[in-house]
Every structure is written in C-alpha cells, then in structure tokens.
Amino acid sequence: MTDALLLVGRQHTREVAQRHARRLRERGVADSVAVETYDRDPAELDVDAGDATYVVPMAVAPDRDTTRGIPGALPAARHCQPIGTSPAVSRALADRAAAATAPGDDASLALVAFGDTSLEGSRRTTEDHAARLRESAAYGEVTTAYLLQNPAAECVRYNLSGDRAVAVPFFLAACEETERALPEKLELDRGGLAYADPLGAHEAVTDAIEAEVAKARAIDAGTASVSPVATDGGGK
C-alpha cells in the first residue's frame, strides 16, 4: 500500500516546511510529501487526508493545535508527534547556538521558548532539550526561559553567569515572536547577549520528521519497540 506524508503548520512555517519536504522526497520517506498551512485555526485546512496519510505537525511542542485542532481537522489520518519533541532537534539547537557563540566553560546558553501555561508539554519538551544540551553541547551553563510563563524571557540576561552568552529561540521558523517580541524582552539592543537563528531548515529537523513517521509506521505494524530511524540524527 502506498502512503503519503503531510507536513502541517501555521502559515509562517510554509517556506521552512517546503524545504524539509523537498529533502524528504529526495530520501524517499513516503510516496508523496506535501505541505499544508493555516492562519489561525486548523479547521481552515481543506485537504483530503485518508488513513494512508501520516501527518506531522510543524511545531516544536504539543499545544492545542497539535493535540486537538489538527487531528480534529484531519480525523482519518495517522497523526505523529510535533517535530520538536524529537531528540534529534537537540543537535539542531546546539548548532544554532554554536553559530552565534562558540561553546566553552565561560559561555552560557539560554533556550527560550514560547511557553504555554495550558499544556505542560511545552515546558517538558523545552526542559528535555535543555537537559540534553547540558550533557552534550559543552556550554558552562544551560538555562531555559519562556515568552508566556516563568522563568520569563525578560530575566534571561540577569540570570546568566557566563562571560559570554547566547539566547537560542526554540521556534521552528522566523515569526513575530522571534523577530520582535523576544528581541525586545531580551533587550538585545543593549548588547552582551548573542541571538541565534530558529531551527529553520536544519537537517536534524528533517531527521526528526523522518523519525516520527518511522515511529508511527512501527506502531501501525505492531513493532513499536523497533527504532527504524536514529532519532538524534547522528546514528545514536
């Protein structure tokens, strides 16, 4: 049986999603790979996604859209976890940080996420990545902060102890939050705090999408204990 892969996200993720879709087609991950976006509500989606379609939310953490909206709009499809929940994404975050500020014992890394007080998944996902970065990214300090919940993004620069510091936005693509809200709250215009790019088209994000589809297929096949794709993007 043929199957399809559908990447679904808000409109600002379209360009990034399309770049991942091209890479996934080259890898032959599914018989077809498409991108669909919506403005405010997944109910706006107008697509025929049947039971042979795997849907991957182009989001960094579980939220109302990924847990209710998208499954509600595409009820017949097979739904995967948001890509940001994959351990593969930790590598992308480390690379984004290193591109802005080199790792070292004297350097601090602040992982800054949107934060959603209505769902614990947002905080849990962010903290999981921070824990991996503490183990693997060679920064002297790794902290977390949020746009909508505590610890607040406004306090980041005052809570870091390193001589050098970088704030890494835990967002898939550039948006109002990464371009305006976070820079203002982080007071980037004062200097002394580097600011990394969002995840974007990093190849580890493509690995994360592929891993989520592989997990869903394993569940469908009754072999969910099998790990068909290395989820850290590095063969581990």
Protein backbone atom coordinates (compact mmCIF):
# COMPACT_ATOMS: atom_id res chain seq x y z
CA MET A 1 0.00 0.00 0.00
CA THR A 2 1.28 3.47 -0.86
CA ASP A 3 1.31 6.16 1.78
CA ALA A 4 1.62 9.92 1.95
CA LEU A 5 3.31 12.37 4.29
CA LEU A 6 1.68 15.69 5.10
CA LEU A 7 3.54 18.46 6.95
CA VAL A 8 1.03 20.75 8.64
CA GLY A 9 1.72 24.05 10.37
CA ARG A 10 0.89 27.71 10.64
CA GLN A 11 1.46 29.93 7.62
CA HIS A 12 4.79 31.32 8.81
CA THR A 13 6.25 27.79 8.69
CA ARG A 14 5.42 27.22 5.00
CA GLU A 15 8.80 28.07 3.47
CA VAL A 16 10.72 26.04 6.05
CA ALA A 17 8.30 23.11 5.73
CA GLN A 18 8.69 23.12 1.96
CA ARG A 19 12.46 22.87 2.27
CA HIS A 20 12.11 19.86 4.57
CA ALA A 21 9.54 18.37 2.21
CA ARG A 22 12.00 18.55 -0.71
CA ARG A 23 14.64 16.80 1.36
CA LEU A 24 12.18 14.11 2.47
CA ARG A 25 11.18 13.46 -1.15
CA GLU A 26 14.85 13.01 -2.03
CA ARG A 27 15.15 10.49 0.80
CA GLY A 28 12.08 8.60 -0.40
CA VAL A 29 10.45 8.76 3.01
CA ALA A 30 6.94 8.44 1.54
CA ASP A 31 5.32 8.01 -1.84
CA SER A 32 4.28 11.66 -1.71
CA VAL A 33 5.21 14.56 0.57
CA ALA A 34 3.08 17.70 0.76
CA VAL A 35 2.81 20.84 2.89
CA GLU A 36 -0.39 22.44 4.15
CA THR A 37 -0.64 25.54 6.33
CA TYR A 38 -3.35 27.52 8.07
CA ASP A 39 -3.62 31.01 9.52
CA ARG A 40 -5.29 30.80 12.93
CA ASP A 41 -7.27 27.59 13.13
CA PRO A 42 -6.53 24.09 11.77
CA ALA A 43 -10.22 23.95 10.80
CA GLU A 44 -9.16 26.15 7.86
CA LEU A 45 -7.36 23.14 6.35
CA ASP A 46 -9.01 21.93 3.17
CA VAL A 47 -7.25 18.70 2.29
CA ASP A 48 -8.23 15.07 1.79
CA ALA A 49 -6.04 13.12 4.22
CA GLY A 50 -7.11 9.50 4.47
CA ASP A 51 -5.88 6.60 6.57
CA ALA A 52 -2.79 6.19 4.38
CA THR A 53 -1.60 9.71 5.23
CA TYR A 54 0.89 10.42 8.03
CA VAL A 55 0.51 13.93 9.42
CA VAL A 56 3.48 15.57 11.14
CA PRO A 57 2.78 18.89 12.92
CA MET A 58 5.38 21.52 12.09
CA ALA A 59 5.53 22.67 15.69
CA VAL A 60 8.13 22.45 18.44
CA ALA A 61 5.87 21.17 21.22
CA PRO A 62 2.39 19.83 21.90
CA ASP A 63 -0.26 22.54 22.02
CA ARG A 64 -3.97 22.95 21.30
CA ASP A 65 -3.37 22.79 17.55
CA THR A 66 -1.35 19.57 17.63
CA THR A 67 -3.43 17.74 20.22
CA ARG A 68 -6.92 18.84 19.16
CA GLY A 69 -7.09 21.13 16.15
CA ILE A 70 -5.11 19.21 13.53
CA PRO A 71 -6.46 15.75 14.49
CA GLY A 72 -9.95 17.23 14.50
CA ALA A 73 -9.49 18.73 11.03
CA LEU A 74 -7.94 15.54 9.59
CA PRO A 75 -9.65 12.75 11.56
CA ALA A 76 -8.91 9.88 9.17
CA ALA A 77 -5.15 10.43 9.00
CA ARG A 78 -2.41 8.92 11.16
CA HIS A 79 -1.08 11.63 13.46
CA CYS A 80 2.54 11.92 14.61
CA GLN A 81 4.09 13.90 17.43
CA PRO A 82 5.24 17.51 16.79
CA ILE A 83 8.75 17.53 15.39
CA GLY A 84 10.18 19.50 18.31
CA THR A 85 9.66 16.58 20.67
CA SER A 86 12.32 14.51 18.87
CA PRO A 87 15.79 14.20 20.47
CA ALA A 88 17.21 14.93 17.00
CA VAL A 89 16.25 18.57 17.47
CA SER A 90 18.73 18.96 20.34
CA ARG A 91 21.53 18.74 17.77
CA ALA A 92 19.95 21.48 15.70
CA LEU A 93 19.64 23.73 18.77
CA ALA A 94 23.30 23.10 19.65
CA ASP A 95 24.38 24.02 16.13
CA ARG A 96 22.31 27.20 16.12
CA ALA A 97 23.85 28.20 19.45
CA ALA A 98 27.41 27.46 18.30
CA ALA A 99 26.91 29.54 15.14
CA ALA A 100 26.21 32.56 17.35
CA THR A 101 28.52 31.90 20.31
CA ALA A 102 31.19 29.21 20.48
CA PRO A 103 30.78 26.65 23.29
CA GLY A 104 33.06 26.84 26.30
CA ASP A 105 33.10 26.77 30.08
CA ASP A 106 32.81 30.56 30.10
CA ALA A 107 29.72 30.57 27.85
CA SER A 108 26.06 30.39 28.83
CA LEU A 109 23.21 29.15 26.65
CA ALA A 110 19.60 30.19 27.26
CA LEU A 111 16.96 28.16 25.47
CA VAL A 112 13.98 30.49 25.04
CA ALA A 113 10.60 29.02 24.14
CA PHE A 114 7.08 30.31 23.61
CA GLY A 115 5.67 28.55 26.66
CA ASP A 116 2.02 27.60 27.06
CA THR A 117 0.56 27.61 30.54
CA SER A 118 -2.37 25.48 29.40
CA LEU A 119 -0.26 22.48 28.38
CA GLU A 120 2.64 21.00 30.33
CA GLY A 121 4.07 19.51 27.13
CA SER A 122 5.59 22.84 26.10
CA ARG A 123 7.68 23.16 29.25
CA ARG A 124 8.55 19.46 29.34
CA THR A 125 9.79 19.48 25.74
CA THR A 126 11.94 22.56 26.34
CA GLU A 127 13.42 21.19 29.56
CA ASP A 128 14.21 17.85 27.87
CA HIS A 129 16.26 19.62 25.21
CA ALA A 130 17.99 21.75 27.85
CA ALA A 131 18.98 18.59 29.75
CA ARG A 132 20.49 17.08 26.58
CA LEU A 133 22.35 20.29 25.82
CA ARG A 134 23.85 20.30 29.31
CA GLU A 135 25.25 16.83 28.60
CA SER A 136 26.46 17.35 25.05
CA ALA A 137 26.85 20.97 23.99
CA ALA A 138 29.94 21.94 26.08
CA TYR A 139 28.49 25.17 27.44
CA GLY A 140 29.27 26.07 31.04
CA GLU A 141 25.62 26.79 31.71
CA VAL A 142 22.32 25.96 30.03
CA THR A 143 19.11 27.58 31.24
CA THR A 144 15.53 27.90 29.99
CA ALA A 145 13.14 30.82 29.75
CA TYR A 146 9.71 31.45 28.23
CA LEU A 147 7.77 34.15 26.48
CA LEU A 148 4.49 33.39 28.28
CA GLN A 149 5.47 31.76 31.56
CA ASN A 150 8.21 31.78 34.18
CA PRO A 151 11.15 31.87 34.18
CA ALA A 152 10.48 34.88 31.99
CA ALA A 153 12.49 35.89 28.92
CA GLU A 154 12.89 39.38 30.42
CA CYS A 155 15.12 37.93 33.14
CA VAL A 156 17.48 35.93 30.93
CA ARG A 157 20.42 38.33 30.78
CA TYR A 158 20.28 38.88 34.54
CA ASN A 159 20.29 35.17 35.36
CA LEU A 160 23.23 34.05 33.23
CA SER A 161 26.66 33.72 34.83
CA GLY A 162 28.93 33.19 31.82
CA ASP A 163 31.25 35.83 30.38
CA ARG A 164 29.67 35.09 27.00
CA ALA A 165 26.04 34.21 26.40
CA VAL A 166 23.64 33.21 23.64
CA ALA A 167 19.86 33.03 23.58
CA VAL A 168 18.50 30.32 21.28
CA PRO A 169 14.85 30.68 20.22
CA PHE A 170 13.12 27.29 20.38
CA PHE A 171 10.94 28.05 17.36
CA LEU A 172 10.72 26.30 14.02
CA ALA A 173 10.69 29.38 11.79
CA ALA A 174 11.03 33.14 11.99
CA CYS A 175 7.84 34.77 13.22
CA GLU A 176 6.56 37.76 15.21
CA GLU A 177 7.87 36.21 18.42
CA THR A 178 11.42 35.61 17.15
CA GLU A 179 11.68 38.86 15.19
CA ARG A 180 10.13 41.33 17.63
CA ALA A 181 8.79 40.01 20.94
CA LEU A 182 11.82 38.05 22.09
CA PRO A 183 14.45 40.60 20.98
CA GLU A 184 12.56 43.25 22.96
CA LYS A 185 12.20 41.10 26.06
CA LEU A 186 15.84 40.01 25.87
CA GLU A 187 16.93 43.63 25.39
CA LEU A 188 19.20 42.65 22.53
CA ASP A 189 19.82 46.28 21.64
CA ARG A 190 21.88 46.59 24.85
CA GLY A 191 24.45 44.13 23.51
CA GLY A 192 26.24 41.46 25.50
CA LEU A 193 23.83 38.70 24.51
CA ALA A 194 24.07 36.88 21.18
CA TYR A 195 20.91 35.71 19.49
CA ALA A 196 20.74 32.53 17.44
CA ASP A 197 18.54 31.64 14.49
CA PRO A 198 15.40 29.49 14.84
CA LEU A 199 15.61 25.81 13.87
CA GLY A 200 14.69 26.54 10.25
CA ALA A 201 15.79 24.04 7.61
CA HIS A 202 18.48 22.36 9.73
CA GLU A 203 18.94 18.79 8.55
CA ALA A 204 18.38 17.42 12.06
CA VAL A 205 14.80 18.70 11.83
CA THR A 206 14.37 16.66 8.65
CA ASP A 207 15.74 13.69 10.61
CA ALA A 208 13.16 14.38 13.30
CA ILE A 209 10.31 14.32 10.79
CA GLU A 210 11.56 11.07 9.30
CA ALA A 211 11.86 9.56 12.78
CA GLU A 212 8.29 10.49 13.69
CA VAL A 213 6.95 8.84 10.54
CA ALA A 214 9.03 5.74 11.23
CA LYS A 215 7.65 5.52 14.76
CA ALA A 216 4.08 5.85 13.51
CA ARG A 217 4.66 3.12 10.93
CA ALA A 218 6.14 0.86 13.61
CA ILE A 219 3.06 1.35 15.76
CA ASP A 220 0.79 0.56 12.80
CA ALA A 221 2.81 -2.58 12.14
CA GLY A 222 2.73 -3.65 15.78
CA THR A 223 6.51 -3.26 16.10
CA ALA A 224 6.65 -0.06 18.12
CA SER A 225 9.68 -1.24 20.09
CA VAL A 226 11.72 -1.10 16.89
CA SER A 227 13.63 2.16 16.19
CA PRO A 228 13.83 2.33 12.38
CA VAL A 229 15.45 5.79 12.33
CA ALA A 230 18.10 7.14 14.70
CA THR A 231 16.30 9.95 16.49
CA ASP A 232 19.34 12.07 17.33
CA GLY A 233 20.20 12.46 13.67
CA GLY A 234 23.68 11.15 14.30
CA GLY A 235 23.26 7.42 14.24
CA LYS A 236 22.93 7.05 18.02
